[in-house]
Amino acid sequence: MTSKQRAYLKSLAMTMDPIFQIGKSSLTPELTKAIAEALAARELIKVSVLQNCFDDPAELAQMVAERTHSQVVQVIGKKIVLYKEGKDDKKKIELPKAKKQV
């Protein structure tokens, strides 16, 4: 993902509300599955890490991204933004094209 594409996704995520919350039980298999399903349906989601979760949000973001085969767009404070490109006809977000380097 290029910095231009990441910036575009960040701008889209700014107006979004978190649809998942990670609490004191941290990252459960059920939550991981739910996040994966949401990514398949929406492509771009925001997750909130609650105060009672003592894990580092950046580490949680990496774990979720690995388990859901997605990309971390950004982690700001206790908010995580994840992106996973949709399947062919389900593609909703059109990313700016990456320039080819010569």
C-alpha atoms as a PDB file:
ATOM      1  CA  MET A   1       0.000   0.000   0.000  1.00  0.00           C
ATOM      2  CA  THR A   2       1.404   3.368  -0.985  1.00  0.00           C
ATOM      3  CA  SER A   3       1.384   6.429   1.253  1.00  0.00           C
ATOM      4  CA  LYS A   4      -1.127   8.077  -1.079  1.00  0.00           C
ATOM      5  CA  GLN A   5      -3.505   5.110  -0.757  1.00  0.00           C
ATOM      6  CA  ARG A   6      -3.028   5.066   3.018  1.00  0.00           C
ATOM      7  CA  ALA A   7      -3.797   8.804   3.204  1.00  0.00           C
ATOM      8  CA  TYR A   8      -6.967   8.268   1.147  1.00  0.00           C
ATOM      9  CA  LEU A   9      -8.127   5.474   3.472  1.00  0.00           C
ATOM     10  CA  LYS A  10      -7.362   7.632   6.522  1.00  0.00           C
ATOM     11  CA  SER A  11      -9.542  10.392   5.100  1.00  0.00           C
ATOM     12  CA  LEU A  12     -12.409   7.933   4.595  1.00  0.00           C
ATOM     13  CA  ALA A  13     -11.989   6.547   8.113  1.00  0.00           C
ATOM     14  CA  MET A  14     -12.101   9.990   9.750  1.00  0.00           C
ATOM     15  CA  THR A  15     -15.884  10.168   9.532  1.00  0.00           C
ATOM     16  CA  MET A  16     -16.468   6.547  10.540  1.00  0.00           C
ATOM     17  CA  ASP A  17     -17.549   5.363  13.966  1.00  0.00           C
ATOM     18  CA  PRO A  18     -15.909   2.270  15.510  1.00  0.00           C
ATOM     19  CA  ILE A  19     -18.004  -0.851  14.931  1.00  0.00           C
ATOM     20  CA  PHE A  20     -16.075  -3.107  17.325  1.00  0.00           C
ATOM     21  CA  GLN A  21     -14.664  -2.656  20.808  1.00  0.00           C
ATOM     22  CA  ILE A  22     -11.821  -4.636  22.326  1.00  0.00           C
ATOM     23  CA  GLY A  23     -12.276  -4.903  26.086  1.00  0.00           C
ATOM     24  CA  LYS A  24     -10.695  -6.644  29.050  1.00  0.00           C
ATOM     25  CA  SER A  25     -10.971 -10.098  27.462  1.00  0.00           C
ATOM     26  CA  SER A  26      -8.712  -8.697  24.715  1.00  0.00           C
ATOM     27  CA  LEU A  27      -8.730 -10.470  21.344  1.00  0.00           C
ATOM     28  CA  THR A  28     -10.955 -13.558  21.349  1.00  0.00           C
ATOM     29  CA  PRO A  29     -11.416 -15.945  18.400  1.00  0.00           C
ATOM     30  CA  GLU A  30     -15.065 -14.853  18.175  1.00  0.00           C
ATOM     31  CA  LEU A  31     -14.084 -11.190  17.904  1.00  0.00           C
ATOM     32  CA  THR A  32     -11.453 -12.009  15.279  1.00  0.00           C
ATOM     33  CA  LYS A  33     -14.051 -13.884  13.226  1.00  0.00           C
ATOM     34  CA  ALA A  34     -16.540 -11.012  13.515  1.00  0.00           C
ATOM     35  CA  ILE A  35     -13.901  -8.498  12.412  1.00  0.00           C
ATOM     36  CA  ALA A  36     -12.990 -10.696   9.429  1.00  0.00           C
ATOM     37  CA  GLU A  37     -16.656 -10.865   8.381  1.00  0.00           C
ATOM     38  CA  ALA A  38     -17.039  -7.099   8.726  1.00  0.00           C
ATOM     39  CA  LEU A  39     -13.909  -6.525   6.624  1.00  0.00           C
ATOM     40  CA  ALA A  40     -15.308  -8.795   3.908  1.00  0.00           C
ATOM     41  CA  ALA A  41     -18.530  -6.780   3.868  1.00  0.00           C
ATOM     42  CA  ARG A  42     -17.156  -3.240   4.297  1.00  0.00           C
ATOM     43  CA  GLU A  43     -13.441  -3.302   3.342  1.00  0.00           C
ATOM     44  CA  LEU A  44     -12.615  -0.483   5.810  1.00  0.00           C
ATOM     45  CA  ILE A  45     -13.468  -0.613   9.521  1.00  0.00           C
ATOM     46  CA  LYS A  46     -12.572   1.185  12.717  1.00  0.00           C
ATOM     47  CA  VAL A  47     -12.047  -0.646  16.024  1.00  0.00           C
ATOM     48  CA  SER A  48     -11.916   0.955  19.463  1.00  0.00           C
ATOM     49  CA  VAL A  49      -9.741  -0.375  22.293  1.00  0.00           C
ATOM     50  CA  LEU A  50     -11.440   0.236  25.643  1.00  0.00           C
ATOM     51  CA  GLN A  51      -9.743   1.616  28.762  1.00  0.00           C
ATOM     52  CA  ASN A  52     -10.031  -1.732  30.579  1.00  0.00           C
ATOM     53  CA  CYS A  53      -7.937  -3.487  27.899  1.00  0.00           C
ATOM     54  CA  PHE A  54      -4.315  -3.407  29.024  1.00  0.00           C
ATOM     55  CA  ASP A  55      -2.806  -4.581  25.712  1.00  0.00           C
ATOM     56  CA  ASP A  56      -0.995  -2.129  23.458  1.00  0.00           C
ATOM     57  CA  PRO A  57      -3.312  -0.958  20.616  1.00  0.00           C
ATOM     58  CA  ALA A  58      -0.474  -1.122  18.054  1.00  0.00           C
ATOM     59  CA  GLU A  59       0.263  -4.756  18.973  1.00  0.00           C
ATOM     60  CA  LEU A  60      -3.457  -5.599  18.889  1.00  0.00           C
ATOM     61  CA  ALA A  61      -3.716  -3.997  15.438  1.00  0.00           C
ATOM     62  CA  GLN A  62      -0.871  -6.167  14.122  1.00  0.00           C
ATOM     63  CA  MET A  63      -2.412  -9.339  15.596  1.00  0.00           C
ATOM     64  CA  VAL A  64      -5.840  -8.578  14.116  1.00  0.00           C
ATOM     65  CA  ALA A  65      -4.298  -7.760  10.735  1.00  0.00           C
ATOM     66  CA  GLU A  66      -2.366 -11.035  10.670  1.00  0.00           C
ATOM     67  CA  ARG A  67      -5.358 -13.119  11.710  1.00  0.00           C
ATOM     68  CA  THR A  68      -7.779 -11.456   9.264  1.00  0.00           C
ATOM     69  CA  HIS A  69      -5.252 -11.055   6.400  1.00  0.00           C
ATOM     70  CA  SER A  70      -5.877  -7.304   6.337  1.00  0.00           C
ATOM     71  CA  GLN A  71      -3.710  -4.190   6.538  1.00  0.00           C
ATOM     72  CA  VAL A  72      -3.388  -1.698   9.362  1.00  0.00           C
ATOM     73  CA  VAL A  73      -4.143   1.738   7.954  1.00  0.00           C
ATOM     74  CA  GLN A  74      -3.462   3.608  11.193  1.00  0.00           C
ATOM     75  CA  VAL A  75      -3.469   3.406  14.963  1.00  0.00           C
ATOM     76  CA  ILE A  76      -4.220   6.663  16.755  1.00  0.00           C
ATOM     77  CA  GLY A  77      -4.517   6.467  20.516  1.00  0.00           C
ATOM     78  CA  LYS A  78      -6.947   3.616  21.139  1.00  0.00           C
ATOM     79  CA  LYS A  79      -8.504   3.596  17.657  1.00  0.00           C
ATOM     80  CA  ILE A  80      -7.463   1.095  14.984  1.00  0.00           C
ATOM     81  CA  VAL A  81      -8.335   1.385  11.286  1.00  0.00           C
ATOM     82  CA  LEU A  82      -8.116  -1.786   9.176  1.00  0.00           C
ATOM     83  CA  TYR A  83      -8.478  -2.324   5.421  1.00  0.00           C
ATOM     84  CA  LYS A  84      -8.927  -5.478   3.396  1.00  0.00           C
ATOM     85  CA  GLU A  85      -9.537  -5.331  -0.323  1.00  0.00           C
ATOM     86  CA  GLY A  86     -12.855  -6.893  -1.273  1.00  0.00           C
ATOM     87  CA  LYS A  87     -13.337  -9.659  -3.770  1.00  0.00           C
ATOM     88  CA  ASP A  88     -13.736  -8.708  -7.463  1.00  0.00           C
ATOM     89  CA  ASP A  89     -17.385  -7.647  -7.738  1.00  0.00           C
ATOM     90  CA  LYS A  90     -17.719  -6.650  -4.079  1.00  0.00           C
ATOM     91  CA  LYS A  91     -15.038  -3.957  -4.346  1.00  0.00           C
ATOM     92  CA  LYS A  92     -16.469  -0.755  -2.878  1.00  0.00           C
ATOM     93  CA  ILE A  93     -13.430   1.439  -2.257  1.00  0.00           C
ATOM     94  CA  GLU A  94     -11.409   2.527  -5.282  1.00  0.00           C
ATOM     95  CA  LEU A  95      -7.841   3.281  -4.164  1.00  0.00           C
ATOM     96  CA  PRO A  96      -5.692   5.806  -6.037  1.00  0.00           C
ATOM     97  CA  LYS A  97      -3.438   4.046  -8.524  1.00  0.00           C
ATOM     98  CA  ALA A  98       0.190   3.528  -7.592  1.00  0.00           C
ATOM     99  CA  LYS A  99       2.693   5.093  -9.959  1.00  0.00           C
ATOM    100  CA  LYS A 100       5.079   2.697 -11.666  1.00  0.00           C
ATOM    101  CA  GLN A 101       8.721   3.389 -10.995  1.00  0.00           C
ATOM    102  CA  VAL A 102      11.143   3.232 -13.904  1.00  0.00           C
END
